[in-house]
């Protein structure tokens, strides 16, 4: 389908007698419709992006490598795009728990994320580890925007209405932060206001910091605030991040290839879609483990070395310092959406 913007070229509009002021006339008159279009596009785009990066494993396993080189102090420059994704997705999802901080943990979390059971880490790690694939399968990134998804069926799948049930708004209640401290006057004023609001309608629910019911006006205010707060995570371009991560994995493989061939032989990487396995081979070389089921090739040498990780760290450092890669996503969010992202002390770790 040819985009309308192409069809309605300047010359064509002139021939049809369409003035500049009449462009997008319908959308200009209905800003609510514009908002619904944006919501639907962002929701679909995130769904597609998450599905794509999970299929390739690009973002998750690159995050494991990035964390390892950062923890081992092999990287002086913060990769802001990756830091943003780690914050948004949470370490619990990306690393199956808290952030790993030693060589054994890097490899363990990698295998867990690949879908292998924790029983793979027996006391005798020098022995071959049998087939211990977890029934859960490989872990994956999750779709964000829990509150936004309340409206997904209605505005993306043409459902008849938005169903505000206790189950559907649980995400809103769970995501709500602790109530800010208030002085007595503010608390009393708020209690009085809520008492008046209750007369106009409430949404009954089970239990939370709201009390025994949610005043309608306050619920709508919290809902609007939650939707606004989720806009950054709903605007992350996972397809852009996939391309960045995949290019980095290629460069890491090229830099580490001589040593990988020495340790594992020529079959360690048969197809390019196996690039995320390079991260596992780098971690495995730095531990006592010789084989993990049929996931990775067994080591041919007894040598335990972290040289591969150091080489990968140098590659990541060089790659992140490139202006067109290290913070491409962050700059896009700032430029296109006017999001002022504050990375705190990470802002001091810049390319020099």
C-alpha atoms as a PDB file:
ATOM      1  CA  UNK A   1       0.000   0.000   0.000  1.00  0.00           C
ATOM      2  CA  UNK A   2       1.375   3.410  -0.988  1.00  0.00           C
ATOM      3  CA  UNK A   3       1.486   5.815   1.992  1.00  0.00           C
ATOM      4  CA  UNK A   4      -1.002   8.658   1.843  1.00  0.00           C
ATOM      5  CA  UNK A   5       1.848  11.103   2.369  1.00  0.00           C
ATOM      6  CA  UNK A   6       3.287   9.963  -0.976  1.00  0.00           C
ATOM      7  CA  UNK A   7      -0.004  10.049  -2.830  1.00  0.00           C
ATOM      8  CA  UNK A   8      -0.804  13.496  -1.524  1.00  0.00           C
ATOM      9  CA  UNK A   9       2.367  15.059  -2.895  1.00  0.00           C
ATOM     10  CA  UNK A  10       2.547  18.806  -3.301  1.00  0.00           C
ATOM     11  CA  UNK A  11       1.839  18.657  -7.018  1.00  0.00           C
ATOM     12  CA  UNK A  12      -1.079  16.256  -6.609  1.00  0.00           C
ATOM     13  CA  UNK A  13      -2.638  18.387  -3.895  1.00  0.00           C
ATOM     14  CA  UNK A  14      -2.297  21.395  -6.169  1.00  0.00           C
ATOM     15  CA  UNK A  15      -3.987  19.552  -9.035  1.00  0.00           C
ATOM     16  CA  UNK A  16      -6.814  18.434  -6.777  1.00  0.00           C
ATOM     17  CA  UNK A  17      -7.217  21.861  -5.260  1.00  0.00           C
ATOM     18  CA  UNK A  18      -6.275  20.679  -1.757  1.00  0.00           C
ATOM     19  CA  UNK A  19      -4.780  23.489   0.309  1.00  0.00           C
ATOM     20  CA  UNK A  20      -1.973  23.090   2.827  1.00  0.00           C
ATOM     21  CA  UNK A  21      -4.408  23.928   5.638  1.00  0.00           C
ATOM     22  CA  UNK A  22      -6.678  21.016   4.744  1.00  0.00           C
ATOM     23  CA  UNK A  23      -4.000  18.336   5.222  1.00  0.00           C
ATOM     24  CA  UNK A  24      -4.863  15.977   8.081  1.00  0.00           C
ATOM     25  CA  UNK A  25      -8.036  17.970   8.623  1.00  0.00           C
ATOM     26  CA  UNK A  26      -9.847  15.067  10.283  1.00  0.00           C
ATOM     27  CA  UNK A  27      -7.033  14.337  12.720  1.00  0.00           C
ATOM     28  CA  UNK A  28      -6.635  18.008  13.542  1.00  0.00           C
ATOM     29  CA  UNK A  29     -10.289  18.163  14.546  1.00  0.00           C
ATOM     30  CA  UNK A  30     -10.162  14.989  16.655  1.00  0.00           C
ATOM     31  CA  UNK A  31      -7.035  14.925  18.846  1.00  0.00           C
ATOM     32  CA  UNK A  32      -8.530  12.028  20.803  1.00  0.00           C
ATOM     33  CA  UNK A  33      -8.471   9.955  17.612  1.00  0.00           C
ATOM     34  CA  UNK A  34      -4.792  10.850  17.154  1.00  0.00           C
ATOM     35  CA  UNK A  35      -4.072   9.612  20.668  1.00  0.00           C
ATOM     36  CA  UNK A  36      -5.849   6.320  20.025  1.00  0.00           C
ATOM     37  CA  UNK A  37      -3.894   5.826  16.800  1.00  0.00           C
ATOM     38  CA  UNK A  38      -0.622   6.425  18.650  1.00  0.00           C
ATOM     39  CA  UNK A  39      -1.656   4.037  21.420  1.00  0.00           C
ATOM     40  CA  UNK A  40      -2.530   1.267  18.969  1.00  0.00           C
ATOM     41  CA  UNK A  41       0.680   1.749  16.975  1.00  0.00           C
ATOM     42  CA  UNK A  42       2.897   1.702  20.069  1.00  0.00           C
ATOM     43  CA  UNK A  43       1.164  -1.372  21.466  1.00  0.00           C
ATOM     44  CA  UNK A  44       1.487  -3.300  18.205  1.00  0.00           C
ATOM     45  CA  UNK A  45       5.058  -2.141  17.690  1.00  0.00           C
ATOM     46  CA  UNK A  46       6.114  -3.281  21.154  1.00  0.00           C
ATOM     47  CA  UNK A  47       4.387  -6.643  20.707  1.00  0.00           C
ATOM     48  CA  UNK A  48       6.168  -7.181  17.402  1.00  0.00           C
ATOM     49  CA  UNK A  49       9.541  -5.988  18.728  1.00  0.00           C
ATOM     50  CA  UNK A  50       9.460  -8.166  21.851  1.00  0.00           C
ATOM     51  CA  UNK A  51       8.456 -11.223  19.827  1.00  0.00           C
ATOM     52  CA  UNK A  52      11.273 -10.584  17.353  1.00  0.00           C
ATOM     53  CA  UNK A  53      14.108 -10.096  19.871  1.00  0.00           C
ATOM     54  CA  UNK A  54      12.937 -13.112  21.879  1.00  0.00           C
ATOM     55  CA  UNK A  55      13.061 -15.277  18.750  1.00  0.00           C
ATOM     56  CA  UNK A  56      16.670 -14.259  18.069  1.00  0.00           C
ATOM     57  CA  UNK A  57      17.863 -13.887  21.674  1.00  0.00           C
ATOM     58  CA  UNK A  58      19.787 -10.796  20.656  1.00  0.00           C
ATOM     59  CA  UNK A  59      18.964  -8.384  23.466  1.00  0.00           C
ATOM     60  CA  UNK A  60      18.860 -10.763  26.441  1.00  0.00           C
ATOM     61  CA  UNK A  61      22.206 -12.481  25.834  1.00  0.00           C
ATOM     62  CA  UNK A  62      23.957  -9.274  24.826  1.00  0.00           C
ATOM     63  CA  UNK A  63      22.730  -7.876  28.147  1.00  0.00           C
ATOM     64  CA  UNK A  64      24.425 -10.808  29.923  1.00  0.00           C
ATOM     65  CA  UNK A  65      27.708 -10.049  28.138  1.00  0.00           C
ATOM     66  CA  UNK A  66      27.435  -6.322  28.827  1.00  0.00           C
ATOM     67  CA  UNK A  67      26.784  -6.919  32.521  1.00  0.00           C
ATOM     68  CA  UNK A  68      29.770  -9.259  32.764  1.00  0.00           C
ATOM     69  CA  UNK A  69      32.262  -6.836  31.239  1.00  0.00           C
ATOM     70  CA  UNK A  70      30.857  -4.025  33.393  1.00  0.00           C
ATOM     71  CA  UNK A  71      31.112  -6.072  36.591  1.00  0.00           C
ATOM     72  CA  UNK A  72      34.677  -7.126  35.743  1.00  0.00           C
ATOM     73  CA  UNK A  73      35.595  -3.465  35.140  1.00  0.00           C
ATOM     74  CA  UNK A  74      36.499  -4.130  31.525  1.00  0.00           C
ATOM     75  CA  UNK A  75      34.265  -1.310  30.347  1.00  0.00           C
ATOM     76  CA  UNK A  76      34.683   2.370  31.145  1.00  0.00           C
ATOM     77  CA  UNK A  77      31.791   3.674  29.081  1.00  0.00           C
ATOM     78  CA  UNK A  78      28.164   3.042  29.970  1.00  0.00           C
ATOM     79  CA  UNK A  79      25.966   1.631  27.208  1.00  0.00           C
ATOM     80  CA  UNK A  80      22.940   3.785  27.893  1.00  0.00           C
ATOM     81  CA  UNK A  81      20.597   1.981  25.518  1.00  0.00           C
ATOM     82  CA  UNK A  82      21.236  -1.314  27.299  1.00  0.00           C
ATOM     83  CA  UNK A  83      21.085   0.301  30.730  1.00  0.00           C
ATOM     84  CA  UNK A  84      17.642   1.649  29.840  1.00  0.00           C
ATOM     85  CA  UNK A  85      16.381  -1.796  28.809  1.00  0.00           C
ATOM     86  CA  UNK A  86      17.791  -3.407  31.967  1.00  0.00           C
ATOM     87  CA  UNK A  87      15.968  -0.824  34.070  1.00  0.00           C
ATOM     88  CA  UNK A  88      12.711  -1.186  32.168  1.00  0.00           C
ATOM     89  CA  UNK A  89      12.683  -4.981  31.892  1.00  0.00           C
ATOM     90  CA  UNK A  90      14.253  -5.433  35.378  1.00  0.00           C
ATOM     91  CA  UNK A  91      17.225  -7.650  36.331  1.00  0.00           C
ATOM     92  CA  UNK A  92      14.781 -10.326  37.512  1.00  0.00           C
ATOM     93  CA  UNK A  93      13.643 -10.867  33.921  1.00  0.00           C
ATOM     94  CA  UNK A  94      16.957 -10.391  32.127  1.00  0.00           C
ATOM     95  CA  UNK A  95      19.205 -12.192  34.630  1.00  0.00           C
ATOM     96  CA  UNK A  96      16.710 -14.546  36.326  1.00  0.00           C
ATOM     97  CA  UNK A  97      17.267 -12.852  39.669  1.00  0.00           C
ATOM     98  CA  UNK A  98      19.569 -10.163  40.944  1.00  0.00           C
ATOM     99  CA  UNK A  99      22.469  -8.877  38.843  1.00  0.00           C
ATOM    100  CA  UNK A 100      25.242 -11.538  38.697  1.00  0.00           C
ATOM    101  CA  UNK A 101      28.654 -10.311  39.797  1.00  0.00           C
ATOM    102  CA  UNK A 102      31.182 -13.166  39.383  1.00  0.00           C
ATOM    103  CA  UNK A 103      32.332 -15.577  36.690  1.00  0.00           C
ATOM    104  CA  UNK A 104      30.391 -18.574  37.966  1.00  0.00           C
ATOM    105  CA  UNK A 105      27.188 -16.560  38.223  1.00  0.00           C
ATOM    106  CA  UNK A 106      27.528 -15.100  34.717  1.00  0.00           C
ATOM    107  CA  UNK A 107      27.602 -18.602  33.253  1.00  0.00           C
ATOM    108  CA  UNK A 108      24.883 -19.939  35.536  1.00  0.00           C
ATOM    109  CA  UNK A 109      22.445 -17.152  34.684  1.00  0.00           C
ATOM    110  CA  UNK A 110      23.211 -17.529  30.984  1.00  0.00           C
ATOM    111  CA  UNK A 111      22.283 -21.206  31.123  1.00  0.00           C
ATOM    112  CA  UNK A 112      19.161 -20.490  33.169  1.00  0.00           C
ATOM    113  CA  UNK A 113      18.054 -17.914  30.616  1.00  0.00           C
ATOM    114  CA  UNK A 114      18.719 -20.481  27.868  1.00  0.00           C
ATOM    115  CA  UNK A 115      16.229 -22.759  29.600  1.00  0.00           C
ATOM    116  CA  UNK A 116      18.495 -25.140  31.458  1.00  0.00           C
ATOM    117  CA  UNK A 117      17.746 -26.294  34.983  1.00  0.00           C
ATOM    118  CA  UNK A 118      19.746 -25.085  37.971  1.00  0.00           C
ATOM    119  CA  UNK A 119      20.627 -28.753  38.642  1.00  0.00           C
ATOM    120  CA  UNK A 120      23.220 -28.303  35.918  1.00  0.00           C
ATOM    121  CA  UNK A 121      25.440 -26.715  38.548  1.00  0.00           C
ATOM    122  CA  UNK A 122      26.397 -29.773  40.564  1.00  0.00           C
ATOM    123  CA  UNK A 123      29.329 -29.742  42.948  1.00  0.00           C
ATOM    124  CA  UNK A 124      31.566 -31.559  40.464  1.00  0.00           C
ATOM    125  CA  UNK A 125      31.521 -29.186  37.525  1.00  0.00           C
ATOM    126  CA  UNK A 126      34.320 -31.019  35.734  1.00  0.00           C
ATOM    127  CA  UNK A 127      32.025 -33.877  34.842  1.00  0.00           C
ATOM    128  CA  UNK A 128      29.823 -33.780  31.760  1.00  0.00           C
ATOM    129  CA  UNK A 129      26.413 -32.385  32.535  1.00  0.00           C
ATOM    130  CA  UNK A 130      23.510 -34.385  31.166  1.00  0.00           C
ATOM    131  CA  UNK A 131      20.401 -33.151  29.418  1.00  0.00           C
ATOM    132  CA  UNK A 132      18.743 -30.936  32.010  1.00  0.00           C
ATOM    133  CA  UNK A 133      16.631 -28.625  29.955  1.00  0.00           C
ATOM    134  CA  UNK A 134      14.036 -26.882  32.064  1.00  0.00           C
ATOM    135  CA  UNK A 135      10.375 -27.546  31.383  1.00  0.00           C
ATOM    136  CA  UNK A 136       9.867 -23.779  31.242  1.00  0.00           C
ATOM    137  CA  UNK A 137      12.102 -23.445  28.213  1.00  0.00           C
ATOM    138  CA  UNK A 138      14.207 -20.355  27.374  1.00  0.00           C
ATOM    139  CA  UNK A 139      13.399 -17.182  29.262  1.00  0.00           C
ATOM    140  CA  UNK A 140      12.284 -14.113  27.367  1.00  0.00           C
ATOM    141  CA  UNK A 141      11.715 -10.400  27.620  1.00  0.00           C
ATOM    142  CA  UNK A 142       8.222  -9.348  28.630  1.00  0.00           C
ATOM    143  CA  UNK A 143       5.813  -6.865  27.125  1.00  0.00           C
ATOM    144  CA  UNK A 144       5.784  -3.762  29.275  1.00  0.00           C
ATOM    145  CA  UNK A 145       3.014  -1.253  29.854  1.00  0.00           C
ATOM    146  CA  UNK A 146       0.858  -3.297  32.236  1.00  0.00           C
ATOM    147  CA  UNK A 147      -1.683  -0.505  32.601  1.00  0.00           C
ATOM    148  CA  UNK A 148      -1.698   0.221  28.864  1.00  0.00           C
ATOM    149  CA  UNK A 149      -2.657  -3.375  28.214  1.00  0.00           C
ATOM    150  CA  UNK A 150      -5.945  -2.821  30.030  1.00  0.00           C
ATOM    151  CA  UNK A 151      -7.015  -0.973  26.878  1.00  0.00           C
ATOM    152  CA  UNK A 152      -5.305  -3.306  24.397  1.00  0.00           C
ATOM    153  CA  UNK A 153      -8.291  -5.499  23.563  1.00  0.00           C
ATOM    154  CA  UNK A 154     -10.537  -2.514  23.024  1.00  0.00           C
ATOM    155  CA  UNK A 155      -8.294  -0.346  20.851  1.00  0.00           C
ATOM    156  CA  UNK A 156      -6.062  -2.971  19.218  1.00  0.00           C
ATOM    157  CA  UNK A 157      -8.354  -5.987  18.889  1.00  0.00           C
ATOM    158  CA  UNK A 158     -11.705  -4.205  18.446  1.00  0.00           C
ATOM    159  CA  UNK A 159     -13.277  -5.566  21.623  1.00  0.00           C
ATOM    160  CA  UNK A 160     -16.680  -4.131  22.497  1.00  0.00           C
ATOM    161  CA  UNK A 161     -15.519  -2.240  25.590  1.00  0.00           C
ATOM    162  CA  UNK A 162     -12.797  -1.828  28.205  1.00  0.00           C
ATOM    163  CA  UNK A 163     -13.495  -4.203  31.065  1.00  0.00           C
ATOM    164  CA  UNK A 164     -12.630  -2.511  34.346  1.00  0.00           C
ATOM    165  CA  UNK A 165     -12.613  -5.430  36.742  1.00  0.00           C
ATOM    166  CA  UNK A 166     -10.506  -5.939  39.834  1.00  0.00           C
ATOM    167  CA  UNK A 167      -8.306  -8.360  37.892  1.00  0.00           C
ATOM    168  CA  UNK A 168      -7.755  -5.914  35.046  1.00  0.00           C
ATOM    169  CA  UNK A 169      -6.755  -3.027  37.314  1.00  0.00           C
ATOM    170  CA  UNK A 170      -4.532  -5.135  39.563  1.00  0.00           C
ATOM    171  CA  UNK A 171      -1.569  -3.953  37.496  1.00  0.00           C
ATOM    172  CA  UNK A 172      -2.471  -0.360  38.282  1.00  0.00           C
ATOM    173  CA  UNK A 173      -2.654  -1.018  42.012  1.00  0.00           C
ATOM    174  CA  UNK A 174       0.540  -3.070  42.000  1.00  0.00           C
ATOM    175  CA  UNK A 175       2.436  -0.457  40.000  1.00  0.00           C
ATOM    176  CA  UNK A 176       1.394   2.400  42.227  1.00  0.00           C
ATOM    177  CA  UNK A 177       4.219   3.573  44.429  1.00  0.00           C
ATOM    178  CA  UNK A 178       3.961   4.147  48.152  1.00  0.00           C
ATOM    179  CA  UNK A 179       1.903   7.176  49.017  1.00  0.00           C
ATOM    180  CA  UNK A 180       4.104  10.201  49.497  1.00  0.00           C
ATOM    181  CA  UNK A 181       4.376  11.525  52.998  1.00  0.00           C
ATOM    182  CA  UNK A 182       1.848  14.259  53.684  1.00  0.00           C
ATOM    183  CA  UNK A 183       1.375  16.671  56.534  1.00  0.00           C
ATOM    184  CA  UNK A 184      -1.779  16.456  58.605  1.00  0.00           C
ATOM    185  CA  UNK A 185      -3.556  19.284  56.815  1.00  0.00           C
ATOM    186  CA  UNK A 186      -3.022  17.699  53.396  1.00  0.00           C
ATOM    187  CA  UNK A 187      -4.147  14.307  54.669  1.00  0.00           C
ATOM    188  CA  UNK A 188      -7.338  15.729  56.149  1.00  0.00           C
ATOM    189  CA  UNK A 189      -8.113  17.683  52.998  1.00  0.00           C
ATOM    190  CA  UNK A 190      -7.594  14.561  50.921  1.00  0.00           C
ATOM    191  CA  UNK A 191      -9.826  12.463  53.175  1.00  0.00           C
ATOM    192  CA  UNK A 192     -12.584  15.065  52.962  1.00  0.00           C
ATOM    193  CA  UNK A 193     -12.311  15.237  49.193  1.00  0.00           C
ATOM    194  CA  UNK A 194     -12.480  11.454  48.864  1.00  0.00           C
ATOM    195  CA  UNK A 195     -15.580  11.330  51.055  1.00  0.00           C
ATOM    196  CA  UNK A 196     -17.316  13.650  48.597  1.00  0.00           C
ATOM    197  CA  UNK A 197     -16.078  11.681  45.611  1.00  0.00           C
ATOM    198  CA  UNK A 198     -17.470   8.456  47.040  1.00  0.00           C
ATOM    199  CA  UNK A 199     -20.969   9.858  46.723  1.00  0.00           C
ATOM    200  CA  UNK A 200     -20.567  10.047  42.943  1.00  0.00           C
ATOM    201  CA  UNK A 201     -19.413   6.460  42.542  1.00  0.00           C
ATOM    202  CA  UNK A 202     -16.763   3.970  43.567  1.00  0.00           C
ATOM    203  CA  UNK A 203     -15.122   0.856  42.237  1.00  0.00           C
ATOM    204  CA  UNK A 204     -15.286  -1.838  44.897  1.00  0.00           C
ATOM    205  CA  UNK A 205     -12.191  -4.006  45.295  1.00  0.00           C
ATOM    206  CA  UNK A 206     -10.609  -6.448  47.692  1.00  0.00           C
ATOM    207  CA  UNK A 207      -7.706  -4.909  49.561  1.00  0.00           C
ATOM    208  CA  UNK A 208      -4.841  -2.457  49.010  1.00  0.00           C
ATOM    209  CA  UNK A 209      -3.656   0.891  50.269  1.00  0.00           C
ATOM    210  CA  UNK A 210      -6.791   2.448  48.745  1.00  0.00           C
ATOM    211  CA  UNK A 211      -8.933   1.058  51.555  1.00  0.00           C
ATOM    212  CA  UNK A 212     -12.180  -0.787  50.921  1.00  0.00           C
ATOM    213  CA  UNK A 213     -13.038   1.002  47.669  1.00  0.00           C
ATOM    214  CA  UNK A 214     -11.472   3.200  45.010  1.00  0.00           C
ATOM    215  CA  UNK A 215     -13.075   6.655  44.665  1.00  0.00           C
ATOM    216  CA  UNK A 216     -13.858   7.148  41.000  1.00  0.00           C
ATOM    217  CA  UNK A 217     -12.075  10.478  40.528  1.00  0.00           C
ATOM    218  CA  UNK A 218      -8.970   9.311  42.318  1.00  0.00           C
ATOM    219  CA  UNK A 219      -8.926   6.102  40.294  1.00  0.00           C
ATOM    220  CA  UNK A 220      -9.070   8.081  37.043  1.00  0.00           C
ATOM    221  CA  UNK A 221      -6.250  10.348  38.240  1.00  0.00           C
ATOM    222  CA  UNK A 222      -4.095   7.361  39.166  1.00  0.00           C
ATOM    223  CA  UNK A 223      -4.937   5.721  35.845  1.00  0.00           C
ATOM    224  CA  UNK A 224      -3.929   8.822  33.872  1.00  0.00           C
ATOM    225  CA  UNK A 225      -0.675   9.140  35.846  1.00  0.00           C
ATOM    226  CA  UNK A 226       0.147   5.462  35.341  1.00  0.00           C
ATOM    227  CA  UNK A 227      -0.479   5.666  31.587  1.00  0.00           C
ATOM    228  CA  UNK A 228       1.747   8.723  31.375  1.00  0.00           C
ATOM    229  CA  UNK A 229       4.494   7.014  33.405  1.00  0.00           C
ATOM    230  CA  UNK A 230       4.510   4.029  31.041  1.00  0.00           C
ATOM    231  CA  UNK A 231       5.115   6.035  27.881  1.00  0.00           C
ATOM    232  CA  UNK A 232       8.900   5.639  27.952  1.00  0.00           C
ATOM    233  CA  UNK A 233       8.749   1.844  28.178  1.00  0.00           C
ATOM    234  CA  UNK A 234       6.041   1.743  25.497  1.00  0.00           C
ATOM    235  CA  UNK A 235       8.272   3.779  23.146  1.00  0.00           C
ATOM    236  CA  UNK A 236      11.373   1.561  23.209  1.00  0.00           C
ATOM    237  CA  UNK A 237      12.356   0.500  19.694  1.00  0.00           C
ATOM    238  CA  UNK A 238      13.322  -3.161  20.195  1.00  0.00           C
ATOM    239  CA  UNK A 239      13.967  -3.669  16.487  1.00  0.00           C
ATOM    240  CA  UNK A 240      16.567  -0.900  16.569  1.00  0.00           C
ATOM    241  CA  UNK A 241      18.110  -2.436  19.677  1.00  0.00           C
ATOM    242  CA  UNK A 242      18.168  -5.868  18.010  1.00  0.00           C
ATOM    243  CA  UNK A 243      20.199  -4.521  15.113  1.00  0.00           C
ATOM    244  CA  UNK A 244      22.652  -2.853  17.494  1.00  0.00           C
ATOM    245  CA  UNK A 245      23.060  -5.993  19.619  1.00  0.00           C
ATOM    246  CA  UNK A 246      23.438  -8.285  16.618  1.00  0.00           C
ATOM    247  CA  UNK A 247      26.153  -6.114  15.110  1.00  0.00           C
ATOM    248  CA  UNK A 248      27.986  -6.161  18.445  1.00  0.00           C
ATOM    249  CA  UNK A 249      27.741  -9.964  18.715  1.00  0.00           C
ATOM    250  CA  UNK A 250      29.235 -10.241  15.225  1.00  0.00           C
ATOM    251  CA  UNK A 251      32.187  -8.086  16.223  1.00  0.00           C
ATOM    252  CA  UNK A 252      32.696  -9.983  19.482  1.00  0.00           C
ATOM    253  CA  UNK A 253      32.735 -13.264  17.555  1.00  0.00           C
ATOM    254  CA  UNK A 254      35.301 -11.938  15.089  1.00  0.00           C
ATOM    255  CA  UNK A 255      37.557 -10.673  17.895  1.00  0.00           C
ATOM    256  CA  UNK A 256      37.294 -13.891  19.940  1.00  0.00           C
ATOM    257  CA  UNK A 257      37.263 -16.379  17.064  1.00  0.00           C
ATOM    258  CA  UNK A 258      40.943 -17.490  17.187  1.00  0.00           C
ATOM    259  CA  UNK A 259      40.708 -18.414  20.877  1.00  0.00           C
ATOM    260  CA  UNK A 260      37.224 -19.929  20.491  1.00  0.00           C
ATOM    261  CA  UNK A 261      38.519 -22.193  17.712  1.00  0.00           C
ATOM    262  CA  UNK A 262      41.404 -23.257  19.925  1.00  0.00           C
ATOM    263  CA  UNK A 263      39.158 -24.128  22.865  1.00  0.00           C
ATOM    264  CA  UNK A 264      36.035 -25.503  21.160  1.00  0.00           C
ATOM    265  CA  UNK A 265      36.945 -26.310  17.565  1.00  0.00           C
ATOM    266  CA  UNK A 266      35.426 -25.174  14.313  1.00  0.00           C
ATOM    267  CA  UNK A 267      31.873 -26.288  15.048  1.00  0.00           C
ATOM    268  CA  UNK A 268      31.192 -23.831  17.863  1.00  0.00           C
ATOM    269  CA  UNK A 269      29.259 -21.566  15.469  1.00  0.00           C
ATOM    270  CA  UNK A 270      27.667 -23.180  12.415  1.00  0.00           C
ATOM    271  CA  UNK A 271      25.072 -20.544  11.554  1.00  0.00           C
ATOM    272  CA  UNK A 272      24.796 -16.841  12.277  1.00  0.00           C
ATOM    273  CA  UNK A 273      21.555 -17.310  14.187  1.00  0.00           C
ATOM    274  CA  UNK A 274      23.719 -19.047  16.821  1.00  0.00           C
ATOM    275  CA  UNK A 275      25.625 -15.839  17.634  1.00  0.00           C
ATOM    276  CA  UNK A 276      24.144 -15.597  21.177  1.00  0.00           C
ATOM    277  CA  UNK A 277      25.897 -18.907  21.995  1.00  0.00           C
ATOM    278  CA  UNK A 278      29.218 -17.062  21.697  1.00  0.00           C
ATOM    279  CA  UNK A 279      28.380 -15.387  25.012  1.00  0.00           C
ATOM    280  CA  UNK A 280      27.967 -18.805  26.635  1.00  0.00           C
ATOM    281  CA  UNK A 281      31.285 -20.050  25.230  1.00  0.00           C
ATOM    282  CA  UNK A 282      33.063 -16.965  26.606  1.00  0.00           C
ATOM    283  CA  UNK A 283      31.599 -17.544  30.072  1.00  0.00           C
ATOM    284  CA  UNK A 284      32.232 -21.292  29.976  1.00  0.00           C
ATOM    285  CA  UNK A 285      35.927 -20.767  29.188  1.00  0.00           C
ATOM    286  CA  UNK A 286      36.283 -18.798  32.432  1.00  0.00           C
ATOM    287  CA  UNK A 287      34.807 -21.580  34.625  1.00  0.00           C
ATOM    288  CA  UNK A 288      35.617 -25.199  35.461  1.00  0.00           C
ATOM    289  CA  UNK A 289      32.661 -26.511  33.455  1.00  0.00           C
ATOM    290  CA  UNK A 290      33.689 -28.624  30.466  1.00  0.00           C
ATOM    291  CA  UNK A 291      30.304 -29.442  28.925  1.00  0.00           C
ATOM    292  CA  UNK A 292      26.654 -28.507  29.317  1.00  0.00           C
ATOM    293  CA  UNK A 293      24.326 -31.146  27.894  1.00  0.00           C
ATOM    294  CA  UNK A 294      23.958 -30.678  24.154  1.00  0.00           C
ATOM    295  CA  UNK A 295      23.748 -26.902  24.367  1.00  0.00           C
ATOM    296  CA  UNK A 296      27.445 -26.039  23.953  1.00  0.00           C
ATOM    297  CA  UNK A 297      30.345 -27.986  22.510  1.00  0.00           C
ATOM    298  CA  UNK A 298      32.694 -29.513  25.100  1.00  0.00           C
ATOM    299  CA  UNK A 299      35.999 -27.811  25.728  1.00  0.00           C
ATOM    300  CA  UNK A 300      39.050 -29.376  24.090  1.00  0.00           C
ATOM    301  CA  UNK A 301      41.484 -27.951  26.635  1.00  0.00           C
ATOM    302  CA  UNK A 302      41.739 -27.928  30.411  1.00  0.00           C
ATOM    303  CA  UNK A 303      42.693 -24.270  30.426  1.00  0.00           C
ATOM    304  CA  UNK A 304      40.449 -21.971  32.451  1.00  0.00           C
ATOM    305  CA  UNK A 305      40.828 -18.463  31.101  1.00  0.00           C
ATOM    306  CA  UNK A 306      39.097 -15.106  31.229  1.00  0.00           C
ATOM    307  CA  UNK A 307      41.054 -13.820  28.233  1.00  0.00           C
ATOM    308  CA  UNK A 308      38.008 -14.247  26.023  1.00  0.00           C
ATOM    309  CA  UNK A 309      35.970 -12.057  28.366  1.00  0.00           C
ATOM    310  CA  UNK A 310      38.700  -9.406  28.329  1.00  0.00           C
ATOM    311  CA  UNK A 311      38.766  -9.482  24.517  1.00  0.00           C
ATOM    312  CA  UNK A 312      34.982  -9.177  24.420  1.00  0.00           C
ATOM    313  CA  UNK A 313      35.188  -6.275  26.885  1.00  0.00           C
ATOM    314  CA  UNK A 314      37.527  -4.379  24.598  1.00  0.00           C
ATOM    315  CA  UNK A 315      35.181  -4.955  21.667  1.00  0.00           C
ATOM    316  CA  UNK A 316      32.158  -3.767  23.643  1.00  0.00           C
ATOM    317  CA  UNK A 317      34.088  -0.685  24.818  1.00  0.00           C
ATOM    318  CA  UNK A 318      35.021   0.259  21.260  1.00  0.00           C
ATOM    319  CA  UNK A 319      31.496  -0.388  20.010  1.00  0.00           C
ATOM    320  CA  UNK A 320      29.709   1.570  22.731  1.00  0.00           C
ATOM    321  CA  UNK A 321      32.003   4.555  22.245  1.00  0.00           C
ATOM    322  CA  UNK A 322      30.829   4.843  18.650  1.00  0.00           C
ATOM    323  CA  UNK A 323      28.452   7.801  18.641  1.00  0.00           C
ATOM    324  CA  UNK A 324      25.968   6.097  16.331  1.00  0.00           C
ATOM    325  CA  UNK A 325      25.504   3.011  18.535  1.00  0.00           C
ATOM    326  CA  UNK A 326      25.977   3.503  22.279  1.00  0.00           C
ATOM    327  CA  UNK A 327      22.993   5.755  22.897  1.00  0.00           C
ATOM    328  CA  UNK A 328      21.015   5.665  19.647  1.00  0.00           C
ATOM    329  CA  UNK A 329      17.794   4.637  21.359  1.00  0.00           C
ATOM    330  CA  UNK A 330      18.150   7.174  24.169  1.00  0.00           C
ATOM    331  CA  UNK A 331      18.791  10.021  21.715  1.00  0.00           C
ATOM    332  CA  UNK A 332      15.763   8.973  19.665  1.00  0.00           C
ATOM    333  CA  UNK A 333      13.528   9.026  22.758  1.00  0.00           C
ATOM    334  CA  UNK A 334      14.805  12.473  23.688  1.00  0.00           C
ATOM    335  CA  UNK A 335      14.513  13.862  20.172  1.00  0.00           C
ATOM    336  CA  UNK A 336      11.224  12.343  19.032  1.00  0.00           C
ATOM    337  CA  UNK A 337       9.288  12.149  22.296  1.00  0.00           C
ATOM    338  CA  UNK A 338      10.990  14.846  24.403  1.00  0.00           C
ATOM    339  CA  UNK A 339      11.657  12.351  27.210  1.00  0.00           C
ATOM    340  CA  UNK A 340      14.240  13.738  29.628  1.00  0.00           C
ATOM    341  CA  UNK A 341      16.044  10.575  30.733  1.00  0.00           C
ATOM    342  CA  UNK A 342      18.329  10.968  33.729  1.00  0.00           C
ATOM    343  CA  UNK A 343      20.958   8.247  34.140  1.00  0.00           C
ATOM    344  CA  UNK A 344      22.550   9.787  37.215  1.00  0.00           C
ATOM    345  CA  UNK A 345      26.197   8.795  37.620  1.00  0.00           C
ATOM    346  CA  UNK A 346      26.115   6.898  34.329  1.00  0.00           C
ATOM    347  CA  UNK A 347      25.995  10.254  32.548  1.00  0.00           C
ATOM    348  CA  UNK A 348      29.585  10.761  33.690  1.00  0.00           C
ATOM    349  CA  UNK A 349      30.718   7.611  31.878  1.00  0.00           C
ATOM    350  CA  UNK A 350      30.854   9.101  28.402  1.00  0.00           C
ATOM    351  CA  UNK A 351      33.049   8.638  25.421  1.00  0.00           C
ATOM    352  CA  UNK A 352      36.283  10.595  25.619  1.00  0.00           C
END
